[in-house]
Amino acid sequence: MFSAMLLAISSVALAQFAVYYWRAVVGQVAAQSISADVLAAARLENTTLNGRDFRAIAKLHELTPNLERTASSLGLVRCYYQLINAVGLAASGRVTAVANWAERERMLCARYAAVLVDRRLQSNLAQAAAIRSC
């Protein structure tokens, strides 16, 4: 009985650590600068992103070819965005603090996706330049 309880507590603690670590990585990537080329390619007029821009940037991410061997996908971030979007819609008009938190998280997802698109574009331009120089 004690060992089962210890296993359950350890599993929950490990899952919690994994979620916090993943969230920290997403936050660190989203804090990087985004070039104006990405915003122009996504047809966003303003220079600041908001949570509603995630879908446009995710579509741009799908259209951008990945020439690197390492894959950078939006799978978990897309699921997180949908979950947070549902929470934000449920809280809008009822609990303002939760709705504001959900909008900040949606903006974080949009910035993360924009940084990934920017990285792909920069990588593709560098590889094209390397091919032209041969």
Foldseek 3Di string as FASTA:
>chain_A
DVVVVVVVVVVVVVVVVVVVVVVVVLQVLLPDDFDVVLCVVLVHDDPADWLVSQVSLLVLLVVQDAPDPDDDHCVVLVVVLVVLVVQLVVCPPPPVVSVVVSGVSSSSSSSSSRSVSRVSVVVVVVVVVVVVVD
